[in-house]
């Protein structure tokens, strides 16, 4: 399954890495990719959407499904 969530507040490659790392820690995530130019993150796997949003929020960014 592929899912894309909106992530606001990323301003650099380091921010993208932080979001990707946070998403990678969520159970069920096989891979994650963040893109600051589109304010989004894409996830491959079977993770719970709310868990993805919560992980990004815990990392300090605004996220919504």
N, C-alpha and C. Protein backbone atom coordinates (compact mmCIF):
# COMPACT_ATOMS: atom_id res chain seq x y z
N UNK A 1 0.84 -1.18 0.00
CA UNK A 1 0.00 0.00 0.00
C UNK A 1 0.88 1.24 0.00
N UNK A 2 0.48 2.23 -0.75
CA UNK A 2 1.17 3.50 -0.79
C UNK A 2 0.25 4.58 -0.25
N UNK A 3 0.81 5.47 0.54
CA UNK A 3 0.01 6.55 1.12
C UNK A 3 0.82 7.82 1.14
N UNK A 4 0.15 8.94 0.90
CA UNK A 4 0.80 10.24 0.95
C UNK A 4 0.10 11.11 1.99
N UNK A 5 0.89 11.75 2.84
CA UNK A 5 0.34 12.67 3.83
C UNK A 5 0.94 14.05 3.59
N UNK A 6 0.23 15.07 4.04
CA UNK A 6 0.71 16.45 3.94
C UNK A 6 1.58 16.75 5.14
N UNK A 7 2.75 17.32 4.89
CA UNK A 7 3.67 17.69 5.96
C UNK A 7 4.10 19.13 5.72
N UNK A 8 3.79 19.99 6.65
CA UNK A 8 4.17 21.40 6.53
C UNK A 8 5.28 21.73 7.51
N UNK A 9 6.17 22.62 7.10
CA UNK A 9 7.23 23.08 7.97
C UNK A 9 8.62 22.60 7.58
N UNK A 10 8.72 21.75 6.56
CA UNK A 10 10.04 21.31 6.10
C UNK A 10 10.67 22.42 5.25
N UNK A 11 11.92 22.78 5.56
CA UNK A 11 12.56 23.86 4.82
C UNK A 11 13.92 23.48 4.24
N UNK A 12 14.39 22.25 4.52
CA UNK A 12 15.70 21.85 4.03
C UNK A 12 15.78 20.33 3.92
N UNK A 13 16.88 19.86 3.37
CA UNK A 13 17.07 18.41 3.23
C UNK A 13 17.13 17.74 4.60
N UNK A 14 17.65 18.43 5.59
CA UNK A 14 17.69 17.88 6.94
C UNK A 14 16.30 17.64 7.49
N UNK A 15 15.38 18.57 7.19
CA UNK A 15 13.99 18.41 7.60
C UNK A 15 13.37 17.17 6.95
N UNK A 16 13.64 17.01 5.67
CA UNK A 16 13.13 15.83 4.97
C UNK A 16 13.65 14.55 5.62
N UNK A 17 14.92 14.55 5.97
CA UNK A 17 15.51 13.39 6.62
C UNK A 17 14.89 13.10 7.97
N UNK A 18 14.61 14.14 8.72
CA UNK A 18 13.97 13.98 10.03
C UNK A 18 12.60 13.35 9.88
N UNK A 19 11.82 13.83 8.92
CA UNK A 19 10.48 13.29 8.67
C UNK A 19 10.58 11.84 8.21
N UNK A 20 11.49 11.57 7.30
CA UNK A 20 11.67 10.19 6.81
C UNK A 20 12.05 9.25 7.94
N UNK A 21 12.95 9.69 8.82
CA UNK A 21 13.37 8.86 9.95
C UNK A 21 12.19 8.60 10.89
N UNK A 22 11.40 9.64 11.15
CA UNK A 22 10.25 9.48 12.04
C UNK A 22 9.25 8.49 11.45
N UNK A 23 8.99 8.60 10.16
CA UNK A 23 8.05 7.69 9.51
C UNK A 23 8.58 6.26 9.49
N UNK A 24 9.89 6.10 9.31
CA UNK A 24 10.49 4.77 9.25
C UNK A 24 10.33 4.01 10.56
N UNK A 25 10.15 4.73 11.65
CA UNK A 25 9.99 4.09 12.96
C UNK A 25 8.58 3.55 13.20
N UNK A 26 7.63 3.95 12.38
CA UNK A 26 6.24 3.52 12.56
C UNK A 26 6.12 2.06 12.09
N UNK A 27 5.52 1.20 12.92
CA UNK A 27 5.36 -0.19 12.51
C UNK A 27 4.58 -0.31 11.21
N UNK A 28 5.09 -1.14 10.31
CA UNK A 28 4.43 -1.37 9.04
C UNK A 28 5.00 -0.57 7.89
N UNK A 29 5.84 0.42 8.18
CA UNK A 29 6.43 1.23 7.12
C UNK A 29 7.61 0.47 6.50
N UNK A 30 7.55 0.29 5.19
CA UNK A 30 8.63 -0.36 4.46
C UNK A 30 9.63 0.67 3.94
N UNK A 31 9.13 1.83 3.50
CA UNK A 31 9.98 2.93 3.05
C UNK A 31 9.21 4.23 3.16
N UNK A 32 9.95 5.33 3.28
CA UNK A 32 9.33 6.65 3.39
C UNK A 32 10.17 7.67 2.65
N UNK A 33 9.50 8.61 2.02
CA UNK A 33 10.18 9.67 1.27
C UNK A 33 9.45 10.98 1.51
N UNK A 34 10.18 12.01 1.95
CA UNK A 34 9.60 13.33 2.19
C UNK A 34 10.07 14.31 1.12
N UNK A 35 9.21 15.26 0.77
CA UNK A 35 9.53 16.25 -0.26
C UNK A 35 9.07 17.62 0.21
N UNK A 36 10.02 18.47 0.55
CA UNK A 36 9.67 19.80 1.07
C UNK A 36 9.04 20.69 0.01
N UNK A 37 9.35 20.46 -1.27
CA UNK A 37 8.79 21.31 -2.32
C UNK A 37 7.30 21.07 -2.54
N UNK A 38 6.83 19.88 -2.19
CA UNK A 38 5.39 19.58 -2.33
C UNK A 38 4.69 19.47 -0.99
N UNK A 39 5.42 19.73 0.11
CA UNK A 39 4.86 19.61 1.46
C UNK A 39 4.19 18.27 1.66
N UNK A 40 4.89 17.20 1.28
CA UNK A 40 4.28 15.87 1.41
C UNK A 40 5.32 14.82 1.77
N UNK A 41 4.80 13.68 2.22
CA UNK A 41 5.62 12.51 2.48
C UNK A 41 4.85 11.30 1.98
N UNK A 42 5.57 10.42 1.29
CA UNK A 42 4.96 9.20 0.77
C UNK A 42 5.52 8.01 1.52
N UNK A 43 4.63 7.07 1.82
CA UNK A 43 5.00 5.90 2.60
C UNK A 43 4.56 4.64 1.87
N UNK A 44 5.43 3.65 1.85
CA UNK A 44 5.09 2.32 1.34
C UNK A 44 4.98 1.39 2.53
N UNK A 45 3.96 0.57 2.55
CA UNK A 45 3.79 -0.39 3.63
C UNK A 45 2.35 -0.43 4.12
N UNK A 46 2.18 -1.02 5.28
CA UNK A 46 0.84 -1.22 5.86
C UNK A 46 0.72 -0.50 7.19
N UNK A 47 1.14 0.73 7.27
CA UNK A 47 1.11 1.48 8.53
C UNK A 47 -0.23 2.18 8.72
N UNK A 48 -0.58 2.40 9.98
CA UNK A 48 -1.79 3.13 10.35
C UNK A 48 -1.60 4.62 10.05
N UNK A 49 -2.56 5.20 9.36
CA UNK A 49 -2.45 6.61 8.95
C UNK A 49 -2.29 7.53 10.15
N UNK A 50 -3.06 7.31 11.19
CA UNK A 50 -2.96 8.18 12.37
C UNK A 50 -1.59 8.06 13.03
N UNK A 51 -1.01 6.87 12.99
CA UNK A 51 0.33 6.68 13.55
C UNK A 51 1.37 7.46 12.74
N UNK A 52 1.18 7.52 11.42
CA UNK A 52 2.09 8.29 10.57
C UNK A 52 2.01 9.78 10.92
N UNK A 53 0.79 10.28 11.01
CA UNK A 53 0.59 11.70 11.33
C UNK A 53 1.17 12.02 12.70
N UNK A 54 0.93 11.14 13.67
CA UNK A 54 1.42 11.35 15.03
C UNK A 54 2.95 11.35 15.05
N UNK A 55 3.60 10.45 14.30
CA UNK A 55 5.06 10.38 14.27
C UNK A 55 5.65 11.67 13.72
N UNK A 56 5.06 12.20 12.66
CA UNK A 56 5.55 13.44 12.07
C UNK A 56 5.34 14.61 13.03
N UNK A 57 4.18 14.64 13.68
CA UNK A 57 3.90 15.70 14.66
C UNK A 57 4.89 15.63 15.82
N UNK A 58 5.19 14.41 16.27
CA UNK A 58 6.16 14.25 17.36
C UNK A 58 7.55 14.71 16.95
N UNK A 59 7.84 14.67 15.65
CA UNK A 59 9.13 15.13 15.14
C UNK A 59 9.17 16.65 14.98
N UNK A 60 8.03 17.31 15.18
CA UNK A 60 8.01 18.77 15.17
C UNK A 60 7.42 19.41 13.94
N UNK A 61 6.71 18.64 13.14
CA UNK A 61 6.13 19.18 11.90
C UNK A 61 4.62 19.02 11.91
N UNK A 62 3.93 19.88 11.17
CA UNK A 62 2.48 19.78 11.05
C UNK A 62 2.17 18.75 9.98
N UNK A 63 1.32 17.79 10.32
CA UNK A 63 0.98 16.73 9.37
C UNK A 63 -0.51 16.47 9.40
N UNK A 64 -1.03 16.05 8.24
CA UNK A 64 -2.41 15.63 8.16
C UNK A 64 -2.57 14.65 7.01
N UNK A 65 -3.54 13.76 7.19
CA UNK A 65 -3.77 12.72 6.17
C UNK A 65 -4.52 13.29 4.99
